[in-house]
Every structure is written in C-alpha cells, then in structure tokens.
C-alpha cells in the first residue's frame, strides 16, 4: 500500500511539473506574459478615473519620463514690487534694483525669449 501511494505522489509531482512548464511555454509563445497593466479604451475616453487624492507609494505622477513638471514650462515671468523684491514669478531666481530699473535673474537662459 505504501509503495502504491508513493508511486501516485511521484506521478502527481511529475505531472504538475510538466503542466507548469507547458503553461509557461504557452504563455511566452502567445504573449500572455507581458506588461503588468494595460488599458484599451474608446477614442477620446480617459484611460482611468479615480475618486481619491491619496498618493500611492512608488507611483510618481508628478514626473513624465523622469522630468519634473517645471521642465515643461515654456514661459518664465516675474512680478516685482516697487522696492525691488520679487512678489511672484515662474523661473525667476533673483531681482536686483539699480540704474532706474530692475534686473531679474531667471533659472534658465532667456536670450531667445520672444
């Protein structure tokens, strides 16, 4: 009886290994194993909607292709107070008052700005 039970266990083990191997091969052949998440939506429809503002660990939606949102800012500007201090701005790093005007230093080259 023990020998018969042992033989059945061995047969079940070999069959399981065979079936798992076959499943992996079929998955690789037919592309079942691919990206972790995929969306297929109708044209002009959002691919995803959420009802929470909670941040998800290791999901960085503040960057696109590793670039911060500031990398996509196309305009720089500065609003300067009469005393020469910076009130507000985008890309403005510092302000100097002198010679009857204000000199604004920006965090990038603005030589070719229109």
N, C-alpha and C. Protein backbone atom coordinates (compact mmCIF):
# COMPACT_ATOMS: atom_id res chain seq x y z
N UNK A 1 0.82 -1.19 0.00
CA UNK A 1 0.00 0.00 0.00
C UNK A 1 0.87 1.26 0.00
N UNK A 2 1.93 1.28 0.82
CA UNK A 2 2.82 2.43 0.91
C UNK A 2 3.53 2.66 -0.41
N UNK A 3 3.95 1.58 -1.05
CA UNK A 3 4.61 1.69 -2.33
C UNK A 3 3.66 2.26 -3.38
N UNK A 4 2.42 1.88 -3.35
CA UNK A 4 1.43 2.37 -4.29
C UNK A 4 1.15 3.85 -4.07
N UNK A 5 1.05 4.28 -2.83
CA UNK A 5 0.80 5.69 -2.51
C UNK A 5 2.00 6.53 -2.94
N UNK A 6 3.22 6.03 -2.71
CA UNK A 6 4.42 6.75 -3.11
C UNK A 6 4.49 6.93 -4.61
N UNK A 7 4.10 5.90 -5.34
CA UNK A 7 4.09 5.98 -6.79
C UNK A 7 3.11 7.01 -7.30
N UNK A 8 1.96 7.09 -6.64
CA UNK A 8 0.96 8.09 -7.03
C UNK A 8 1.45 9.50 -6.76
N UNK A 9 2.12 9.71 -5.64
CA UNK A 9 2.66 11.04 -5.32
C UNK A 9 3.71 11.44 -6.34
N UNK A 10 4.59 10.51 -6.70
CA UNK A 10 5.62 10.80 -7.69
C UNK A 10 4.99 11.14 -9.05
N UNK A 11 3.97 10.36 -9.44
CA UNK A 11 3.29 10.63 -10.70
C UNK A 11 2.64 12.00 -10.69
N UNK A 12 1.98 12.36 -9.58
CA UNK A 12 1.33 13.67 -9.46
C UNK A 12 2.37 14.79 -9.52
N UNK A 13 3.51 14.59 -8.89
CA UNK A 13 4.58 15.59 -8.92
C UNK A 13 5.12 15.81 -10.32
N UNK A 14 5.37 14.70 -11.04
CA UNK A 14 5.88 14.83 -12.41
C UNK A 14 4.84 15.48 -13.33
N UNK A 15 3.58 15.14 -13.14
CA UNK A 15 2.51 15.72 -13.96
C UNK A 15 2.40 17.22 -13.69
N UNK A 16 2.55 17.62 -12.43
CA UNK A 16 2.47 19.04 -12.07
C UNK A 16 3.61 19.81 -12.70
N UNK A 17 4.82 19.28 -12.62
CA UNK A 17 5.98 19.95 -13.22
C UNK A 17 5.78 20.08 -14.72
N UNK A 18 5.29 19.03 -15.36
CA UNK A 18 5.04 19.08 -16.80
C UNK A 18 4.01 20.15 -17.15
N UNK A 19 2.89 20.19 -16.42
CA UNK A 19 1.83 21.15 -16.72
C UNK A 19 2.27 22.59 -16.47
N UNK A 20 3.02 22.81 -15.41
CA UNK A 20 3.51 24.17 -15.15
C UNK A 20 4.48 24.60 -16.25
N UNK A 21 5.36 23.73 -16.64
CA UNK A 21 6.29 24.05 -17.72
C UNK A 21 5.57 24.33 -19.02
N UNK A 22 4.56 23.52 -19.33
CA UNK A 22 3.77 23.73 -20.54
C UNK A 22 3.04 25.07 -20.47
N UNK A 23 2.50 25.42 -19.30
CA UNK A 23 1.79 26.70 -19.15
C UNK A 23 2.73 27.88 -19.38
N UNK A 24 3.95 27.79 -18.88
CA UNK A 24 4.93 28.87 -19.07
C UNK A 24 5.30 29.00 -20.54
N UNK A 25 5.54 27.89 -21.20
CA UNK A 25 5.88 27.92 -22.63
C UNK A 25 4.75 28.52 -23.45
N UNK A 26 3.52 28.11 -23.18
CA UNK A 26 2.37 28.65 -23.91
C UNK A 26 2.19 30.14 -23.64
N UNK A 27 2.40 30.54 -22.40
CA UNK A 27 2.27 31.96 -22.06
C UNK A 27 3.30 32.79 -22.81
N UNK A 28 4.52 32.29 -22.90
CA UNK A 28 5.56 33.02 -23.63
C UNK A 28 5.28 33.05 -25.14
N UNK A 29 4.81 31.94 -25.67
CA UNK A 29 4.52 31.87 -27.10
C UNK A 29 3.36 32.77 -27.52
N UNK A 30 2.33 32.84 -26.70
CA UNK A 30 1.13 33.58 -27.07
C UNK A 30 1.04 34.95 -26.42
N UNK A 31 2.13 35.39 -25.82
CA UNK A 31 2.18 36.75 -25.29
C UNK A 31 1.32 37.00 -24.07
N UNK A 32 1.00 35.98 -23.32
CA UNK A 32 0.21 36.18 -22.12
C UNK A 32 1.04 36.91 -21.06
N UNK A 33 2.32 36.63 -21.03
CA UNK A 33 3.20 37.30 -20.09
C UNK A 33 3.70 38.57 -20.75
N UNK A 34 3.22 39.70 -20.30
CA UNK A 34 3.63 40.98 -20.89
C UNK A 34 3.63 42.03 -19.79
N UNK A 35 3.13 43.21 -20.09
CA UNK A 35 3.12 44.29 -19.12
C UNK A 35 2.19 43.97 -17.96
N UNK A 36 2.45 44.62 -16.84
CA UNK A 36 1.65 44.38 -15.65
C UNK A 36 0.27 45.00 -15.76
N UNK A 37 0.14 46.05 -16.55
CA UNK A 37 -1.13 46.76 -16.65
C UNK A 37 -1.30 47.29 -18.06
N UNK A 38 -2.48 47.11 -18.60
CA UNK A 38 -2.74 47.58 -19.95
C UNK A 38 -4.17 48.10 -20.00
N UNK A 39 -4.37 49.23 -20.71
CA UNK A 39 -5.70 49.81 -20.87
C UNK A 39 -6.06 49.85 -22.34
N UNK A 40 -7.25 49.44 -22.66
CA UNK A 40 -7.78 49.57 -24.01
C UNK A 40 -9.10 50.32 -23.87
N UNK A 41 -9.14 51.54 -24.42
CA UNK A 41 -10.33 52.38 -24.25
C UNK A 41 -10.79 52.90 -25.61
N UNK A 42 -12.00 53.39 -25.63
CA UNK A 42 -12.54 54.00 -26.84
C UNK A 42 -11.82 55.33 -27.09
N UNK A 43 -11.81 55.78 -28.32
CA UNK A 43 -11.18 57.06 -28.67
C UNK A 43 -11.81 58.18 -27.86
N UNK A 44 -10.99 59.12 -27.43
CA UNK A 44 -11.39 60.31 -26.68
C UNK A 44 -11.97 60.00 -25.30
N UNK A 45 -11.71 58.82 -24.78
CA UNK A 45 -12.15 58.46 -23.43
C UNK A 45 -10.94 58.38 -22.52
N UNK A 46 -11.07 58.82 -21.27
CA UNK A 46 -9.92 58.73 -20.36
C UNK A 46 -9.62 57.27 -20.03
N UNK A 47 -8.35 56.91 -19.95
CA UNK A 47 -8.00 55.52 -19.68
C UNK A 47 -8.24 55.12 -18.22
N UNK A 48 -8.39 56.11 -17.35
CA UNK A 48 -8.55 55.77 -15.95
C UNK A 48 -9.21 56.93 -15.20
N UNK A 49 -10.02 56.61 -14.22
CA UNK A 49 -10.62 57.61 -13.34
C UNK A 49 -10.40 57.16 -11.90
N UNK A 50 -10.17 58.09 -11.01
CA UNK A 50 -10.01 57.75 -9.60
C UNK A 50 -10.90 58.66 -8.77
N UNK A 51 -11.22 58.22 -7.58
CA UNK A 51 -12.04 59.02 -6.68
C UNK A 51 -11.30 59.35 -5.39
N UNK A 52 -9.97 59.42 -5.49
CA UNK A 52 -9.15 59.68 -4.32
C UNK A 52 -7.97 60.56 -4.69
N UNK A 53 -7.57 61.42 -3.76
CA UNK A 53 -6.39 62.26 -3.95
C UNK A 53 -5.20 61.71 -3.17
N UNK A 54 -5.34 60.53 -2.57
CA UNK A 54 -4.28 59.92 -1.78
C UNK A 54 -3.13 59.48 -2.68
N UNK A 55 -1.91 59.82 -2.27
CA UNK A 55 -0.73 59.42 -3.04
C UNK A 55 -0.44 57.94 -2.83
N UNK A 56 0.01 57.30 -3.89
CA UNK A 56 0.34 55.88 -3.85
C UNK A 56 1.86 55.76 -3.80
N UNK A 57 2.36 55.00 -2.86
CA UNK A 57 3.80 54.79 -2.72
C UNK A 57 4.38 54.22 -4.00
N UNK A 58 5.50 54.78 -4.45
CA UNK A 58 6.23 54.34 -5.64
C UNK A 58 5.48 54.58 -6.95
N UNK A 59 4.43 55.38 -6.93
CA UNK A 59 3.75 55.77 -8.15
C UNK A 59 3.90 57.27 -8.27
N UNK A 60 4.81 57.72 -9.13
CA UNK A 60 5.13 59.14 -9.22
C UNK A 60 4.44 59.73 -10.44
N UNK A 61 3.31 60.36 -10.19
CA UNK A 61 2.58 61.00 -11.28
C UNK A 61 3.01 62.46 -11.43
N UNK A 62 4.00 62.88 -10.65
CA UNK A 62 4.49 64.26 -10.73
C UNK A 62 5.58 64.40 -11.79
N UNK A 63 5.97 63.30 -12.40
CA UNK A 63 7.02 63.34 -13.40
C UNK A 63 6.57 62.64 -14.66
N UNK A 64 7.09 63.12 -15.79
CA UNK A 64 6.86 62.47 -17.08
C UNK A 64 8.23 62.15 -17.66
N UNK A 65 8.46 60.91 -17.94
CA UNK A 65 9.76 60.46 -18.46
C UNK A 65 10.91 60.95 -17.60
N UNK A 66 10.70 60.95 -16.27
CA UNK A 66 11.75 61.34 -15.34
C UNK A 66 11.95 62.84 -15.21
N UNK A 67 11.12 63.63 -15.85
CA UNK A 67 11.25 65.09 -15.79
C UNK A 67 10.17 65.68 -14.90
N UNK A 68 10.56 66.62 -14.07
CA UNK A 68 9.62 67.34 -13.22
C UNK A 68 8.74 68.24 -14.07
N UNK A 69 7.60 68.60 -13.56
CA UNK A 69 6.67 69.44 -14.32
C UNK A 69 7.29 70.77 -14.73
N UNK A 70 8.24 71.29 -13.94
CA UNK A 70 8.89 72.55 -14.30
C UNK A 70 9.70 72.45 -15.59
N UNK A 71 10.09 71.25 -15.97
CA UNK A 71 10.85 71.08 -17.21
C UNK A 71 9.98 71.34 -18.43
N UNK A 72 8.67 71.34 -18.27
CA UNK A 72 7.77 71.54 -19.39
C UNK A 72 7.20 72.95 -19.44
N UNK A 73 7.63 73.79 -18.52
CA UNK A 73 7.16 75.18 -18.50
C UNK A 73 7.81 75.91 -19.67
N UNK A 74 7.00 76.52 -20.52
CA UNK A 74 7.55 77.19 -21.69
C UNK A 74 7.75 78.68 -21.48
N UNK A 75 7.15 79.24 -20.45
CA UNK A 75 7.31 80.68 -20.24
C UNK A 75 7.86 80.94 -18.85
N UNK A 76 8.63 82.01 -18.74
CA UNK A 76 9.11 82.48 -17.46
C UNK A 76 8.64 83.91 -17.29
N UNK A 77 8.37 84.29 -16.06
CA UNK A 77 7.90 85.64 -15.80
C UNK A 77 8.23 86.03 -14.37
N UNK A 78 8.16 87.31 -14.12
CA UNK A 78 8.42 87.82 -12.77
C UNK A 78 7.53 89.03 -12.50
N UNK A 79 7.04 89.08 -11.28
CA UNK A 79 6.29 90.25 -10.81
C UNK A 79 7.11 90.84 -9.66
N UNK A 80 7.55 92.09 -9.87
CA UNK A 80 8.48 92.72 -8.93
C UNK A 80 7.77 93.87 -8.20
N UNK A 81 7.97 93.93 -6.89
CA UNK A 81 7.43 95.03 -6.09
C UNK A 81 8.22 96.31 -6.38
N UNK A 82 7.64 97.44 -6.03
CA UNK A 82 8.30 98.72 -6.26
C UNK A 82 9.63 98.82 -5.52
N UNK A 83 9.75 98.11 -4.39
CA UNK A 83 11.01 98.16 -3.64
C UNK A 83 12.09 97.24 -4.21
N UNK A 84 11.75 96.51 -5.30
CA UNK A 84 12.73 95.66 -5.95
C UNK A 84 12.73 94.22 -5.49
N UNK A 85 11.79 93.84 -4.64
CA UNK A 85 11.73 92.45 -4.20
C UNK A 85 10.78 91.67 -5.10
N UNK A 86 11.03 90.40 -5.19
CA UNK A 86 10.23 89.52 -6.05
C UNK A 86 8.91 89.20 -5.35
N UNK A 87 7.81 89.55 -6.00
CA UNK A 87 6.48 89.25 -5.45
C UNK A 87 6.03 87.85 -5.89
N UNK A 88 6.19 87.54 -7.17
CA UNK A 88 5.79 86.25 -7.70
C UNK A 88 6.52 86.03 -9.01
N UNK A 89 6.51 84.80 -9.47
CA UNK A 89 7.14 84.53 -10.75
C UNK A 89 7.27 83.06 -11.02
N UNK A 90 7.62 82.75 -12.24
CA UNK A 90 7.88 81.38 -12.66
C UNK A 90 9.24 81.38 -13.33
N UNK A 91 10.19 80.71 -12.70
CA UNK A 91 11.54 80.68 -13.23
C UNK A 91 12.41 81.84 -12.79
N UNK A 92 11.85 82.76 -12.00
CA UNK A 92 12.63 83.91 -11.53
C UNK A 92 13.45 83.49 -10.32
N UNK A 93 14.75 83.73 -10.36
CA UNK A 93 15.64 83.33 -9.28
C UNK A 93 15.98 84.49 -8.35
N UNK A 94 16.14 85.68 -8.90
CA UNK A 94 16.54 86.82 -8.08
C UNK A 94 16.22 88.12 -8.81
N UNK A 95 16.12 89.20 -8.03
CA UNK A 95 15.86 90.53 -8.60
C UNK A 95 16.86 91.50 -8.00
N UNK A 96 17.39 92.38 -8.84
CA UNK A 96 18.25 93.48 -8.38
C UNK A 96 17.65 94.78 -8.87
N UNK A 97 17.65 95.77 -7.99
CA UNK A 97 17.17 97.10 -8.36
C UNK A 97 18.39 97.98 -8.57
N UNK A 98 18.40 98.71 -9.67
CA UNK A 98 19.53 99.59 -9.91
C UNK A 98 19.45 100.24 -11.27
N UNK A 99 20.07 101.41 -11.40
CA UNK A 99 20.10 102.12 -12.67
C UNK A 99 18.73 102.54 -13.15
N UNK A 100 17.80 102.77 -12.25
CA UNK A 100 16.46 103.19 -12.63
C UNK A 100 15.57 102.05 -13.09
N UNK A 101 15.97 100.81 -12.85
CA UNK A 101 15.15 99.67 -13.28
C UNK A 101 15.39 98.45 -12.42
N UNK A 102 14.89 97.37 -12.88
CA UNK A 102 15.02 96.10 -12.17
C UNK A 102 15.70 95.09 -13.09
N UNK A 103 16.56 94.30 -12.53
CA UNK A 103 17.24 93.24 -13.26
C UNK A 103 16.79 91.91 -12.65
N UNK A 104 16.11 91.10 -13.45
CA UNK A 104 15.60 89.82 -12.97
C UNK A 104 16.49 88.71 -13.51
N UNK A 105 16.98 87.88 -12.60
CA UNK A 105 17.79 86.71 -12.97
C UNK A 105 16.86 85.51 -12.98
N UNK A 106 16.84 84.81 -14.12
CA UNK A 106 16.00 83.62 -14.25
C UNK A 106 16.83 82.36 -14.13
N UNK A 107 16.19 81.25 -13.85
CA UNK A 107 16.89 79.98 -13.64
C UNK A 107 17.25 79.26 -14.93
N UNK A 108 17.04 79.92 -16.08
CA UNK A 108 17.41 79.35 -17.37
C UNK A 108 17.74 80.49 -18.35
N UNK A 109 18.32 80.15 -19.46
CA UNK A 109 18.68 81.12 -20.47
C UNK A 109 17.43 81.66 -21.13
N UNK A 110 17.28 82.99 -21.12
CA UNK A 110 16.10 83.62 -21.74
C UNK A 110 16.51 84.50 -22.94
N UNK A 111 17.70 84.27 -23.44
CA UNK A 111 18.22 85.07 -24.54
C UNK A 111 17.30 85.08 -25.75
N UNK A 112 16.72 83.94 -26.07
CA UNK A 112 15.88 83.83 -27.27
C UNK A 112 14.38 83.92 -26.98
N UNK A 113 14.02 84.42 -25.81
CA UNK A 113 12.59 84.56 -25.49
C UNK A 113 11.97 85.66 -26.35
N UNK A 114 10.75 85.46 -26.73
CA UNK A 114 10.05 86.46 -27.56
C UNK A 114 9.48 87.56 -26.69
